[in-house]
């Protein structure tokens, strides 16, 4: 596994500051225009961004998400009503390169208080196994439903790494404090509490995955590159294949060999996409299936009510699949 590219503290601080200063202060009455009940109106692109805004803003914000529960966020199409909603927001929080329709709508919205989570932490390039493969990933572009790579092949799924998600939380907190200075102290306090919880979750993952019989897991969606890299695991995704379709014979054969070689026991599927691919592969390889949730949305099928509960379910399922000791 490649050595993680570290970001100097000064550079990170600069990125956070940049994200914050991209907002225009609204003279303490940030929520006056476009707000609900005097609260700051925040429009988030999808669940992980909405969760941050809710946890940090609490009673001072009203958060709406462009991606409704049960909708696969990569495939989101923006309605005229949502476009209007976006333009009336006091603050927009999104992750550029994950949802092309959102990127376009945000660019055309005219909203000045925009927080792009992609500027608050370093996006990396991940291969199928969670390593950096650079240009090797080009072959997957345009094939089927492979949405694992954003701008310049960079993986946008940063929220699945609690440490990177904490970096984004700090930037969102600074942005809300800038937009609504009257409640800046509360935003800072709430940010510190959230970062503390994410730091504790990071420690749980490190301790829980430190000693496992296998380091390799197979998933239908190449969303877990950051998680794999953070905790010394190898992600193998059925890449370049639509979740609704059968794996290619070549990829099936490759994964069959890999499962045997790497002592893989489980093929993971997710809650917002079909489990057909995972179950087909599992049946042909004699493997079990289980859920590894990329946390792109929360529904009644999710293994938890919020980010922390689902992440702990993911940890439990990974420990079981990898033979944690």
C-alpha atoms as a PDB file:
ATOM      1  CA  UNK A   1       0.000   0.000   0.000  1.00  0.00           C
ATOM      2  CA  UNK A   2       1.256   3.416  -0.885  1.00  0.00           C
ATOM      3  CA  UNK A   3       2.207   5.805   1.861  1.00  0.00           C
ATOM      4  CA  UNK A   4      -0.572   8.291   2.515  1.00  0.00           C
ATOM      5  CA  UNK A   5       0.121  11.713   1.160  1.00  0.00           C
ATOM      6  CA  UNK A   6       0.154  13.984   4.174  1.00  0.00           C
ATOM      7  CA  UNK A   7      -1.140  17.541   4.127  1.00  0.00           C
ATOM      8  CA  UNK A   8       0.906  20.074   6.074  1.00  0.00           C
ATOM      9  CA  UNK A   9      -1.104  21.658   8.885  1.00  0.00           C
ATOM     10  CA  UNK A  10      -0.572  25.106   7.422  1.00  0.00           C
ATOM     11  CA  UNK A  11      -1.903  23.994   4.059  1.00  0.00           C
ATOM     12  CA  UNK A  12      -4.973  22.448   5.667  1.00  0.00           C
ATOM     13  CA  UNK A  13      -5.606  25.577   7.685  1.00  0.00           C
ATOM     14  CA  UNK A  14      -5.330  27.578   4.489  1.00  0.00           C
ATOM     15  CA  UNK A  15      -7.849  25.334   2.758  1.00  0.00           C
ATOM     16  CA  UNK A  16     -10.291  25.703   5.612  1.00  0.00           C
ATOM     17  CA  UNK A  17      -9.805  29.446   5.644  1.00  0.00           C
ATOM     18  CA  UNK A  18     -10.316  29.551   1.896  1.00  0.00           C
ATOM     19  CA  UNK A  19     -13.574  27.652   2.247  1.00  0.00           C
ATOM     20  CA  UNK A  20     -14.702  30.063   4.934  1.00  0.00           C
ATOM     21  CA  UNK A  21     -13.686  33.256   3.171  1.00  0.00           C
ATOM     22  CA  UNK A  22     -15.488  32.103   0.047  1.00  0.00           C
ATOM     23  CA  UNK A  23     -18.612  33.046   1.974  1.00  0.00           C
ATOM     24  CA  UNK A  24     -19.813  36.606   2.236  1.00  0.00           C
ATOM     25  CA  UNK A  25     -20.781  37.735   5.705  1.00  0.00           C
ATOM     26  CA  UNK A  26     -24.402  38.641   6.057  1.00  0.00           C
ATOM     27  CA  UNK A  27     -24.075  41.167   8.897  1.00  0.00           C
ATOM     28  CA  UNK A  28     -25.503  38.932  11.567  1.00  0.00           C
ATOM     29  CA  UNK A  29     -28.824  38.503   9.794  1.00  0.00           C
ATOM     30  CA  UNK A  30     -27.712  35.717   7.509  1.00  0.00           C
ATOM     31  CA  UNK A  31     -31.015  33.921   7.800  1.00  0.00           C
ATOM     32  CA  UNK A  32     -33.204  36.882   6.978  1.00  0.00           C
ATOM     33  CA  UNK A  33     -33.504  36.215   3.249  1.00  0.00           C
ATOM     34  CA  UNK A  34     -34.537  32.732   2.208  1.00  0.00           C
ATOM     35  CA  UNK A  35     -34.596  31.473   5.805  1.00  0.00           C
ATOM     36  CA  UNK A  36     -37.287  29.582   7.667  1.00  0.00           C
ATOM     37  CA  UNK A  37     -38.487  30.878  11.048  1.00  0.00           C
ATOM     38  CA  UNK A  38     -35.479  33.143  11.319  1.00  0.00           C
ATOM     39  CA  UNK A  39     -33.054  30.280  10.816  1.00  0.00           C
ATOM     40  CA  UNK A  40     -30.211  30.109   8.314  1.00  0.00           C
ATOM     41  CA  UNK A  41     -31.458  28.239   5.253  1.00  0.00           C
ATOM     42  CA  UNK A  42     -28.890  25.601   4.237  1.00  0.00           C
ATOM     43  CA  UNK A  43     -29.252  23.527   1.086  1.00  0.00           C
ATOM     44  CA  UNK A  44     -27.051  20.417   1.059  1.00  0.00           C
ATOM     45  CA  UNK A  45     -26.323  18.292  -1.981  1.00  0.00           C
ATOM     46  CA  UNK A  46     -26.776  14.895  -0.305  1.00  0.00           C
ATOM     47  CA  UNK A  47     -26.836  13.167   3.081  1.00  0.00           C
ATOM     48  CA  UNK A  48     -23.194  13.459   4.268  1.00  0.00           C
ATOM     49  CA  UNK A  49     -23.239  17.216   3.632  1.00  0.00           C
ATOM     50  CA  UNK A  50     -26.677  17.631   5.215  1.00  0.00           C
ATOM     51  CA  UNK A  51     -25.554  15.687   8.292  1.00  0.00           C
ATOM     52  CA  UNK A  52     -22.627  18.036   8.832  1.00  0.00           C
ATOM     53  CA  UNK A  53     -24.820  21.119   8.487  1.00  0.00           C
ATOM     54  CA  UNK A  54     -27.385  19.697  10.919  1.00  0.00           C
ATOM     55  CA  UNK A  55     -24.814  18.624  13.505  1.00  0.00           C
ATOM     56  CA  UNK A  56     -22.966  21.936  13.410  1.00  0.00           C
ATOM     57  CA  UNK A  57     -25.898  24.298  12.851  1.00  0.00           C
ATOM     58  CA  UNK A  58     -28.411  22.567  15.145  1.00  0.00           C
ATOM     59  CA  UNK A  59     -31.201  24.986  16.145  1.00  0.00           C
ATOM     60  CA  UNK A  60     -29.756  27.871  14.144  1.00  0.00           C
ATOM     61  CA  UNK A  61     -30.264  26.275  10.714  1.00  0.00           C
ATOM     62  CA  UNK A  62     -32.926  24.682   8.570  1.00  0.00           C
ATOM     63  CA  UNK A  63     -31.316  22.099   6.294  1.00  0.00           C
ATOM     64  CA  UNK A  64     -32.808  20.817   3.041  1.00  0.00           C
ATOM     65  CA  UNK A  65     -31.169  18.127   0.920  1.00  0.00           C
ATOM     66  CA  UNK A  66     -31.333  18.054  -2.878  1.00  0.00           C
ATOM     67  CA  UNK A  67     -31.031  14.247  -2.763  1.00  0.00           C
ATOM     68  CA  UNK A  68     -34.075  12.717  -1.140  1.00  0.00           C
ATOM     69  CA  UNK A  69     -33.899   9.461   0.883  1.00  0.00           C
ATOM     70  CA  UNK A  70     -33.679   6.394  -1.334  1.00  0.00           C
ATOM     71  CA  UNK A  71     -32.305   8.266  -4.365  1.00  0.00           C
ATOM     72  CA  UNK A  72     -28.896   7.155  -5.639  1.00  0.00           C
ATOM     73  CA  UNK A  73     -27.048  10.502  -5.474  1.00  0.00           C
ATOM     74  CA  UNK A  74     -24.774   9.971  -8.498  1.00  0.00           C
ATOM     75  CA  UNK A  75     -27.832   9.766 -10.751  1.00  0.00           C
ATOM     76  CA  UNK A  76     -29.631  12.795  -9.313  1.00  0.00           C
ATOM     77  CA  UNK A  77     -31.377  15.057 -11.779  1.00  0.00           C
ATOM     78  CA  UNK A  78     -32.208  18.571 -10.570  1.00  0.00           C
ATOM     79  CA  UNK A  79     -35.846  19.666 -10.959  1.00  0.00           C
ATOM     80  CA  UNK A  80     -36.851  23.283 -11.659  1.00  0.00           C
ATOM     81  CA  UNK A  81     -38.281  23.431  -8.125  1.00  0.00           C
ATOM     82  CA  UNK A  82     -34.945  22.320  -6.674  1.00  0.00           C
ATOM     83  CA  UNK A  83     -33.104  24.850  -8.809  1.00  0.00           C
ATOM     84  CA  UNK A  84     -35.299  27.588  -7.372  1.00  0.00           C
ATOM     85  CA  UNK A  85     -34.784  26.209  -3.854  1.00  0.00           C
ATOM     86  CA  UNK A  86     -31.044  26.246  -4.390  1.00  0.00           C
ATOM     87  CA  UNK A  87     -31.081  29.867  -5.525  1.00  0.00           C
ATOM     88  CA  UNK A  88     -32.957  30.958  -2.386  1.00  0.00           C
ATOM     89  CA  UNK A  89     -30.581  29.252   0.064  1.00  0.00           C
ATOM     90  CA  UNK A  90     -28.495  31.295   2.483  1.00  0.00           C
ATOM     91  CA  UNK A  91     -25.735  28.680   2.372  1.00  0.00           C
ATOM     92  CA  UNK A  92     -25.088  25.788  -0.032  1.00  0.00           C
ATOM     93  CA  UNK A  93     -22.934  22.856   1.065  1.00  0.00           C
ATOM     94  CA  UNK A  94     -21.921  20.365  -1.633  1.00  0.00           C
ATOM     95  CA  UNK A  95     -19.100  18.112  -2.803  1.00  0.00           C
ATOM     96  CA  UNK A  96     -17.951  19.067  -6.272  1.00  0.00           C
ATOM     97  CA  UNK A  97     -17.404  16.221  -8.751  1.00  0.00           C
ATOM     98  CA  UNK A  98     -19.736  13.720  -7.062  1.00  0.00           C
ATOM     99  CA  UNK A  99     -22.985  14.869  -8.677  1.00  0.00           C
ATOM    100  CA  UNK A 100     -22.628  16.557 -12.086  1.00  0.00           C
ATOM    101  CA  UNK A 101     -26.196  17.880 -12.045  1.00  0.00           C
ATOM    102  CA  UNK A 102     -25.583  19.566  -8.680  1.00  0.00           C
ATOM    103  CA  UNK A 103     -22.289  21.058  -9.845  1.00  0.00           C
ATOM    104  CA  UNK A 104     -24.055  22.654 -12.799  1.00  0.00           C
ATOM    105  CA  UNK A 105     -26.973  23.933 -10.720  1.00  0.00           C
ATOM    106  CA  UNK A 106     -24.698  25.409  -8.044  1.00  0.00           C
ATOM    107  CA  UNK A 107     -22.617  27.190 -10.678  1.00  0.00           C
ATOM    108  CA  UNK A 108     -25.759  28.759 -12.120  1.00  0.00           C
ATOM    109  CA  UNK A 109     -27.518  29.456  -8.802  1.00  0.00           C
ATOM    110  CA  UNK A 110     -26.056  32.859  -8.037  1.00  0.00           C
ATOM    111  CA  UNK A 111     -25.735  31.906  -4.366  1.00  0.00           C
ATOM    112  CA  UNK A 112     -22.703  33.607  -2.825  1.00  0.00           C
ATOM    113  CA  UNK A 113     -22.443  31.517   0.349  1.00  0.00           C
ATOM    114  CA  UNK A 114     -21.171  28.279  -1.175  1.00  0.00           C
ATOM    115  CA  UNK A 115     -19.086  25.652   0.619  1.00  0.00           C
ATOM    116  CA  UNK A 116     -17.393  23.059  -1.599  1.00  0.00           C
ATOM    117  CA  UNK A 117     -16.265  20.177   0.629  1.00  0.00           C
ATOM    118  CA  UNK A 118     -13.731  19.160  -2.025  1.00  0.00           C
ATOM    119  CA  UNK A 119     -11.698  22.266  -1.139  1.00  0.00           C
ATOM    120  CA  UNK A 120     -11.569  21.401   2.563  1.00  0.00           C
ATOM    121  CA  UNK A 121      -9.561  18.172   2.339  1.00  0.00           C
ATOM    122  CA  UNK A 122      -7.218  16.603  -0.209  1.00  0.00           C
ATOM    123  CA  UNK A 123      -8.938  14.379  -2.759  1.00  0.00           C
ATOM    124  CA  UNK A 124      -6.881  11.384  -3.854  1.00  0.00           C
ATOM    125  CA  UNK A 125      -6.814   8.945  -6.749  1.00  0.00           C
ATOM    126  CA  UNK A 126      -7.729   5.409  -5.760  1.00  0.00           C
ATOM    127  CA  UNK A 127      -7.507   2.204  -7.717  1.00  0.00           C
ATOM    128  CA  UNK A 128      -9.769  -0.775  -7.199  1.00  0.00           C
ATOM    129  CA  UNK A 129      -7.701  -1.976  -4.260  1.00  0.00           C
ATOM    130  CA  UNK A 130      -7.490   1.382  -2.521  1.00  0.00           C
ATOM    131  CA  UNK A 131      -4.000   2.186  -3.820  1.00  0.00           C
ATOM    132  CA  UNK A 132      -3.027   5.085  -6.036  1.00  0.00           C
ATOM    133  CA  UNK A 133      -2.943   3.960  -9.645  1.00  0.00           C
ATOM    134  CA  UNK A 134      -3.113   7.290 -11.420  1.00  0.00           C
ATOM    135  CA  UNK A 135      -3.844   6.981 -15.100  1.00  0.00           C
ATOM    136  CA  UNK A 136      -4.530   3.242 -14.837  1.00  0.00           C
ATOM    137  CA  UNK A 137      -8.076   4.082 -13.817  1.00  0.00           C
ATOM    138  CA  UNK A 138      -8.821   5.739 -17.143  1.00  0.00           C
ATOM    139  CA  UNK A 139     -10.139   2.486 -18.573  1.00  0.00           C
ATOM    140  CA  UNK A 140     -13.204   2.673 -16.336  1.00  0.00           C
ATOM    141  CA  UNK A 141     -14.349   6.064 -17.572  1.00  0.00           C
ATOM    142  CA  UNK A 142     -17.625   5.927 -19.434  1.00  0.00           C
ATOM    143  CA  UNK A 143     -18.237   2.259 -18.682  1.00  0.00           C
ATOM    144  CA  UNK A 144     -21.556   1.352 -17.119  1.00  0.00           C
ATOM    145  CA  UNK A 145     -22.199   2.871 -13.709  1.00  0.00           C
ATOM    146  CA  UNK A 146     -18.657   3.479 -12.480  1.00  0.00           C
ATOM    147  CA  UNK A 147     -18.919   6.722 -10.533  1.00  0.00           C
ATOM    148  CA  UNK A 148     -15.939   6.221  -8.273  1.00  0.00           C
ATOM    149  CA  UNK A 149     -13.835   9.007  -9.700  1.00  0.00           C
ATOM    150  CA  UNK A 150     -14.424  12.746  -9.874  1.00  0.00           C
ATOM    151  CA  UNK A 151     -12.360  15.522 -11.362  1.00  0.00           C
ATOM    152  CA  UNK A 152      -9.041  14.373 -12.782  1.00  0.00           C
ATOM    153  CA  UNK A 153      -9.795  10.850 -11.567  1.00  0.00           C
ATOM    154  CA  UNK A 154      -9.952  11.916  -7.931  1.00  0.00           C
ATOM    155  CA  UNK A 155     -12.173   9.884  -5.628  1.00  0.00           C
ATOM    156  CA  UNK A 156     -14.903  12.051  -4.029  1.00  0.00           C
ATOM    157  CA  UNK A 157     -15.991   9.549  -1.319  1.00  0.00           C
ATOM    158  CA  UNK A 158     -14.079  11.346   1.462  1.00  0.00           C
ATOM    159  CA  UNK A 159     -16.817  11.114   4.096  1.00  0.00           C
ATOM    160  CA  UNK A 160     -16.125   7.376   4.545  1.00  0.00           C
ATOM    161  CA  UNK A 161     -12.797   8.304   6.161  1.00  0.00           C
ATOM    162  CA  UNK A 162     -13.715   9.789   9.579  1.00  0.00           C
ATOM    163  CA  UNK A 163     -10.451  11.768   9.705  1.00  0.00           C
ATOM    164  CA  UNK A 164     -11.118  13.449   6.352  1.00  0.00           C
ATOM    165  CA  UNK A 165     -14.763  13.969   7.231  1.00  0.00           C
ATOM    166  CA  UNK A 166     -13.575  15.815  10.354  1.00  0.00           C
ATOM    167  CA  UNK A 167     -11.464  18.132   8.179  1.00  0.00           C
ATOM    168  CA  UNK A 168     -14.564  18.930   6.125  1.00  0.00           C
ATOM    169  CA  UNK A 169     -16.582  19.485   9.310  1.00  0.00           C
ATOM    170  CA  UNK A 170     -14.093  22.134  10.427  1.00  0.00           C
ATOM    171  CA  UNK A 171     -14.492  23.962   7.124  1.00  0.00           C
ATOM    172  CA  UNK A 172     -18.291  23.793   7.218  1.00  0.00           C
ATOM    173  CA  UNK A 173     -18.247  25.104  10.791  1.00  0.00           C
ATOM    174  CA  UNK A 174     -16.010  28.011   9.839  1.00  0.00           C
ATOM    175  CA  UNK A 175     -18.263  28.781   6.883  1.00  0.00           C
ATOM    176  CA  UNK A 176     -21.440  28.859   8.982  1.00  0.00           C
ATOM    177  CA  UNK A 177     -19.720  31.063  11.568  1.00  0.00           C
ATOM    178  CA  UNK A 178     -18.713  33.466   8.791  1.00  0.00           C
ATOM    179  CA  UNK A 179     -22.221  33.529   7.313  1.00  0.00           C
ATOM    180  CA  UNK A 180     -23.968  33.914  10.671  1.00  0.00           C
ATOM    181  CA  UNK A 181     -21.524  35.670  13.023  1.00  0.00           C
ATOM    182  CA  UNK A 182     -24.123  36.208  15.770  1.00  0.00           C
ATOM    183  CA  UNK A 183     -24.010  32.459  16.468  1.00  0.00           C
ATOM    184  CA  UNK A 184     -20.344  31.873  15.650  1.00  0.00           C
ATOM    185  CA  UNK A 185     -19.526  30.657  19.172  1.00  0.00           C
ATOM    186  CA  UNK A 186     -22.218  27.970  18.944  1.00  0.00           C
ATOM    187  CA  UNK A 187     -20.987  26.811  15.542  1.00  0.00           C
ATOM    188  CA  UNK A 188     -17.435  26.523  16.887  1.00  0.00           C
ATOM    189  CA  UNK A 189     -18.623  24.577  19.937  1.00  0.00           C
ATOM    190  CA  UNK A 190     -20.744  22.209  17.843  1.00  0.00           C
ATOM    191  CA  UNK A 191     -17.886  21.714  15.376  1.00  0.00           C
ATOM    192  CA  UNK A 192     -15.505  20.789  18.180  1.00  0.00           C
ATOM    193  CA  UNK A 193     -18.013  18.267  19.553  1.00  0.00           C
ATOM    194  CA  UNK A 194     -18.534  16.685  16.137  1.00  0.00           C
ATOM    195  CA  UNK A 195     -14.807  16.507  15.411  1.00  0.00           C
ATOM    196  CA  UNK A 196     -14.337  14.821  18.795  1.00  0.00           C
ATOM    197  CA  UNK A 197     -16.914  12.168  17.895  1.00  0.00           C
ATOM    198  CA  UNK A 198     -15.294  11.595  14.495  1.00  0.00           C
ATOM    199  CA  UNK A 199     -11.858  11.272  16.114  1.00  0.00           C
ATOM    200  CA  UNK A 200     -13.274   8.641  18.484  1.00  0.00           C
ATOM    201  CA  UNK A 201     -14.837   6.790  15.527  1.00  0.00           C
ATOM    202  CA  UNK A 202     -11.480   6.857  13.720  1.00  0.00           C
ATOM    203  CA  UNK A 203      -9.881   5.225  16.774  1.00  0.00           C
ATOM    204  CA  UNK A 204     -12.612   2.553  16.851  1.00  0.00           C
ATOM    205  CA  UNK A 205     -11.875   1.656  13.230  1.00  0.00           C
ATOM    206  CA  UNK A 206      -8.106   1.599  13.771  1.00  0.00           C
ATOM    207  CA  UNK A 207      -8.390  -0.652  16.822  1.00  0.00           C
ATOM    208  CA  UNK A 208     -11.136  -2.820  15.342  1.00  0.00           C
ATOM    209  CA  UNK A 209      -9.349  -3.543  12.050  1.00  0.00           C
ATOM    210  CA  UNK A 210      -5.779  -3.750  13.304  1.00  0.00           C
ATOM    211  CA  UNK A 211      -5.623  -7.544  13.498  1.00  0.00           C
ATOM    212  CA  UNK A 212      -7.622  -9.367  10.834  1.00  0.00           C
ATOM    213  CA  UNK A 213      -7.180 -12.695   9.050  1.00  0.00           C
ATOM    214  CA  UNK A 214      -7.638 -10.963   5.675  1.00  0.00           C
ATOM    215  CA  UNK A 215      -7.111  -7.399   4.483  1.00  0.00           C
ATOM    216  CA  UNK A 216      -9.101  -7.651   1.240  1.00  0.00           C
ATOM    217  CA  UNK A 217     -12.803  -7.008   0.756  1.00  0.00           C
ATOM    218  CA  UNK A 218     -14.942  -7.118  -2.387  1.00  0.00           C
ATOM    219  CA  UNK A 219     -17.683  -4.557  -2.980  1.00  0.00           C
ATOM    220  CA  UNK A 220     -19.987  -3.688  -5.865  1.00  0.00           C
ATOM    221  CA  UNK A 221     -19.309   0.055  -5.571  1.00  0.00           C
ATOM    222  CA  UNK A 222     -15.796   1.463  -5.584  1.00  0.00           C
ATOM    223  CA  UNK A 223     -16.586   3.896  -2.770  1.00  0.00           C
ATOM    224  CA  UNK A 224     -14.296   2.693   0.002  1.00  0.00           C
ATOM    225  CA  UNK A 225     -10.841   3.720  -1.200  1.00  0.00           C
ATOM    226  CA  UNK A 226     -10.293   6.267   1.576  1.00  0.00           C
ATOM    227  CA  UNK A 227     -11.525   3.884   4.258  1.00  0.00           C
ATOM    228  CA  UNK A 228      -9.336   1.090   2.900  1.00  0.00           C
ATOM    229  CA  UNK A 229      -6.252   3.281   2.746  1.00  0.00           C
ATOM    230  CA  UNK A 230      -6.807   4.749   6.207  1.00  0.00           C
ATOM    231  CA  UNK A 231      -7.070   1.354   7.896  1.00  0.00           C
ATOM    232  CA  UNK A 232      -4.625  -0.737   5.886  1.00  0.00           C
ATOM    233  CA  UNK A 233      -7.203  -2.647   3.835  1.00  0.00           C
ATOM    234  CA  UNK A 234      -7.529  -3.471   0.126  1.00  0.00           C
ATOM    235  CA  UNK A 235     -10.769  -2.682  -1.679  1.00  0.00           C
ATOM    236  CA  UNK A 236     -11.636  -4.765  -4.738  1.00  0.00           C
ATOM    237  CA  UNK A 237     -14.660  -3.390  -6.579  1.00  0.00           C
ATOM    238  CA  UNK A 238     -16.524  -4.847  -9.513  1.00  0.00           C
ATOM    239  CA  UNK A 239     -15.555  -1.702 -11.405  1.00  0.00           C
ATOM    240  CA  UNK A 240     -16.834  -0.516 -14.760  1.00  0.00           C
ATOM    241  CA  UNK A 241     -19.941  -2.684 -14.430  1.00  0.00           C
ATOM    242  CA  UNK A 242     -23.508  -1.472 -13.959  1.00  0.00           C
ATOM    243  CA  UNK A 243     -24.869  -2.749 -10.609  1.00  0.00           C
ATOM    244  CA  UNK A 244     -27.914  -4.060 -12.452  1.00  0.00           C
ATOM    245  CA  UNK A 245     -25.859  -6.229 -14.816  1.00  0.00           C
ATOM    246  CA  UNK A 246     -23.822  -9.401 -14.502  1.00  0.00           C
ATOM    247  CA  UNK A 247     -20.065  -9.080 -13.904  1.00  0.00           C
ATOM    248  CA  UNK A 248     -17.982  -9.673 -17.030  1.00  0.00           C
ATOM    249  CA  UNK A 249     -16.572 -13.202 -17.310  1.00  0.00           C
ATOM    250  CA  UNK A 250     -13.020 -11.816 -17.148  1.00  0.00           C
ATOM    251  CA  UNK A 251     -13.684  -9.836 -13.979  1.00  0.00           C
ATOM    252  CA  UNK A 252     -15.581 -12.779 -12.447  1.00  0.00           C
ATOM    253  CA  UNK A 253     -12.599 -15.047 -13.054  1.00  0.00           C
ATOM    254  CA  UNK A 254     -10.206 -12.440 -11.643  1.00  0.00           C
ATOM    255  CA  UNK A 255     -12.279 -12.002  -8.484  1.00  0.00           C
ATOM    256  CA  UNK A 256     -12.679 -15.752  -8.041  1.00  0.00           C
ATOM    257  CA  UNK A 257      -8.924 -16.128  -8.034  1.00  0.00           C
ATOM    258  CA  UNK A 258      -8.467 -13.144  -5.772  1.00  0.00           C
ATOM    259  CA  UNK A 259     -11.020 -14.423  -3.249  1.00  0.00           C
ATOM    260  CA  UNK A 260      -9.168 -17.714  -2.947  1.00  0.00           C
ATOM    261  CA  UNK A 261      -5.730 -16.116  -2.804  1.00  0.00           C
ATOM    262  CA  UNK A 262      -6.630 -13.400  -0.280  1.00  0.00           C
ATOM    263  CA  UNK A 263      -8.897 -15.499   1.965  1.00  0.00           C
ATOM    264  CA  UNK A 264     -11.958 -13.402   1.107  1.00  0.00           C
ATOM    265  CA  UNK A 265     -15.180 -14.644   2.720  1.00  0.00           C
ATOM    266  CA  UNK A 266     -17.725 -12.017   1.785  1.00  0.00           C
ATOM    267  CA  UNK A 267     -18.986  -9.943  -1.144  1.00  0.00           C
ATOM    268  CA  UNK A 268     -20.506  -6.665   0.042  1.00  0.00           C
ATOM    269  CA  UNK A 269     -23.498  -4.939  -1.486  1.00  0.00           C
ATOM    270  CA  UNK A 270     -25.107  -1.620  -0.538  1.00  0.00           C
ATOM    271  CA  UNK A 271     -28.530  -0.304   0.334  1.00  0.00           C
ATOM    272  CA  UNK A 272     -29.201   2.204  -2.469  1.00  0.00           C
ATOM    273  CA  UNK A 273     -28.170  -0.038  -5.388  1.00  0.00           C
ATOM    274  CA  UNK A 274     -29.248  -3.479  -6.550  1.00  0.00           C
ATOM    275  CA  UNK A 275     -27.608  -6.454  -4.815  1.00  0.00           C
ATOM    276  CA  UNK A 276     -27.848  -8.558  -7.994  1.00  0.00           C
ATOM    277  CA  UNK A 277     -24.164  -8.243  -8.931  1.00  0.00           C
ATOM    278  CA  UNK A 278     -22.941  -9.120  -5.446  1.00  0.00           C
ATOM    279  CA  UNK A 279     -25.254 -12.097  -5.120  1.00  0.00           C
ATOM    280  CA  UNK A 280     -24.298 -13.405  -8.572  1.00  0.00           C
ATOM    281  CA  UNK A 281     -20.600 -13.207  -7.736  1.00  0.00           C
ATOM    282  CA  UNK A 282     -21.127 -14.743  -4.298  1.00  0.00           C
ATOM    283  CA  UNK A 283     -23.130 -17.647  -5.737  1.00  0.00           C
ATOM    284  CA  UNK A 284     -20.449 -18.396  -8.324  1.00  0.00           C
ATOM    285  CA  UNK A 285     -17.591 -18.188  -5.818  1.00  0.00           C
ATOM    286  CA  UNK A 286     -19.214 -19.795  -2.786  1.00  0.00           C
ATOM    287  CA  UNK A 287     -18.897 -16.602  -0.758  1.00  0.00           C
ATOM    288  CA  UNK A 288     -21.290 -14.955   1.695  1.00  0.00           C
ATOM    289  CA  UNK A 289     -22.919 -11.557   1.178  1.00  0.00           C
ATOM    290  CA  UNK A 290     -23.306  -8.665   3.591  1.00  0.00           C
ATOM    291  CA  UNK A 291     -23.925  -4.902   3.595  1.00  0.00           C
ATOM    292  CA  UNK A 292     -21.201  -2.264   3.387  1.00  0.00           C
ATOM    293  CA  UNK A 293     -23.038   1.028   3.214  1.00  0.00           C
ATOM    294  CA  UNK A 294     -21.381   3.952   1.365  1.00  0.00           C
ATOM    295  CA  UNK A 295     -23.624   6.287   3.367  1.00  0.00           C
ATOM    296  CA  UNK A 296     -24.848   8.250   0.400  1.00  0.00           C
ATOM    297  CA  UNK A 297     -28.299   8.340   1.970  1.00  0.00           C
ATOM    298  CA  UNK A 298     -30.291   7.048   4.943  1.00  0.00           C
ATOM    299  CA  UNK A 299     -33.443   4.972   4.384  1.00  0.00           C
ATOM    300  CA  UNK A 300     -35.445   2.449   6.393  1.00  0.00           C
ATOM    301  CA  UNK A 301     -33.123  -0.195   4.916  1.00  0.00           C
ATOM    302  CA  UNK A 302     -30.018   1.445   6.392  1.00  0.00           C
ATOM    303  CA  UNK A 303     -28.269  -0.335   9.246  1.00  0.00           C
ATOM    304  CA  UNK A 304     -28.533   2.693  11.491  1.00  0.00           C
ATOM    305  CA  UNK A 305     -30.338   6.003  11.892  1.00  0.00           C
ATOM    306  CA  UNK A 306     -27.409   8.329  11.191  1.00  0.00           C
ATOM    307  CA  UNK A 307     -23.798   8.545  10.028  1.00  0.00           C
ATOM    308  CA  UNK A 308     -22.287   7.200  13.242  1.00  0.00           C
ATOM    309  CA  UNK A 309     -24.651   4.236  13.588  1.00  0.00           C
ATOM    310  CA  UNK A 310     -24.180   3.168   9.965  1.00  0.00           C
ATOM    311  CA  UNK A 311     -20.400   3.550  10.158  1.00  0.00           C
ATOM    312  CA  UNK A 312     -20.328   1.348  13.262  1.00  0.00           C
ATOM    313  CA  UNK A 313     -22.453  -1.218  11.411  1.00  0.00           C
ATOM    314  CA  UNK A 314     -19.930  -1.072   8.566  1.00  0.00           C
ATOM    315  CA  UNK A 315     -17.117  -1.659  11.062  1.00  0.00           C
ATOM    316  CA  UNK A 316     -18.909  -4.649  12.574  1.00  0.00           C
ATOM    317  CA  UNK A 317     -19.560  -6.157   9.125  1.00  0.00           C
ATOM    318  CA  UNK A 318     -15.947  -5.617   8.058  1.00  0.00           C
ATOM    319  CA  UNK A 319     -14.658  -7.210  11.250  1.00  0.00           C
ATOM    320  CA  UNK A 320     -16.852 -10.242  10.663  1.00  0.00           C
ATOM    321  CA  UNK A 321     -15.899 -10.564   6.986  1.00  0.00           C
ATOM    322  CA  UNK A 322     -12.172 -10.035   7.526  1.00  0.00           C
ATOM    323  CA  UNK A 323     -11.871 -12.261  10.586  1.00  0.00           C
ATOM    324  CA  UNK A 324     -10.972  -9.626  13.185  1.00  0.00           C
ATOM    325  CA  UNK A 325      -9.089 -11.090  16.127  1.00  0.00           C
END
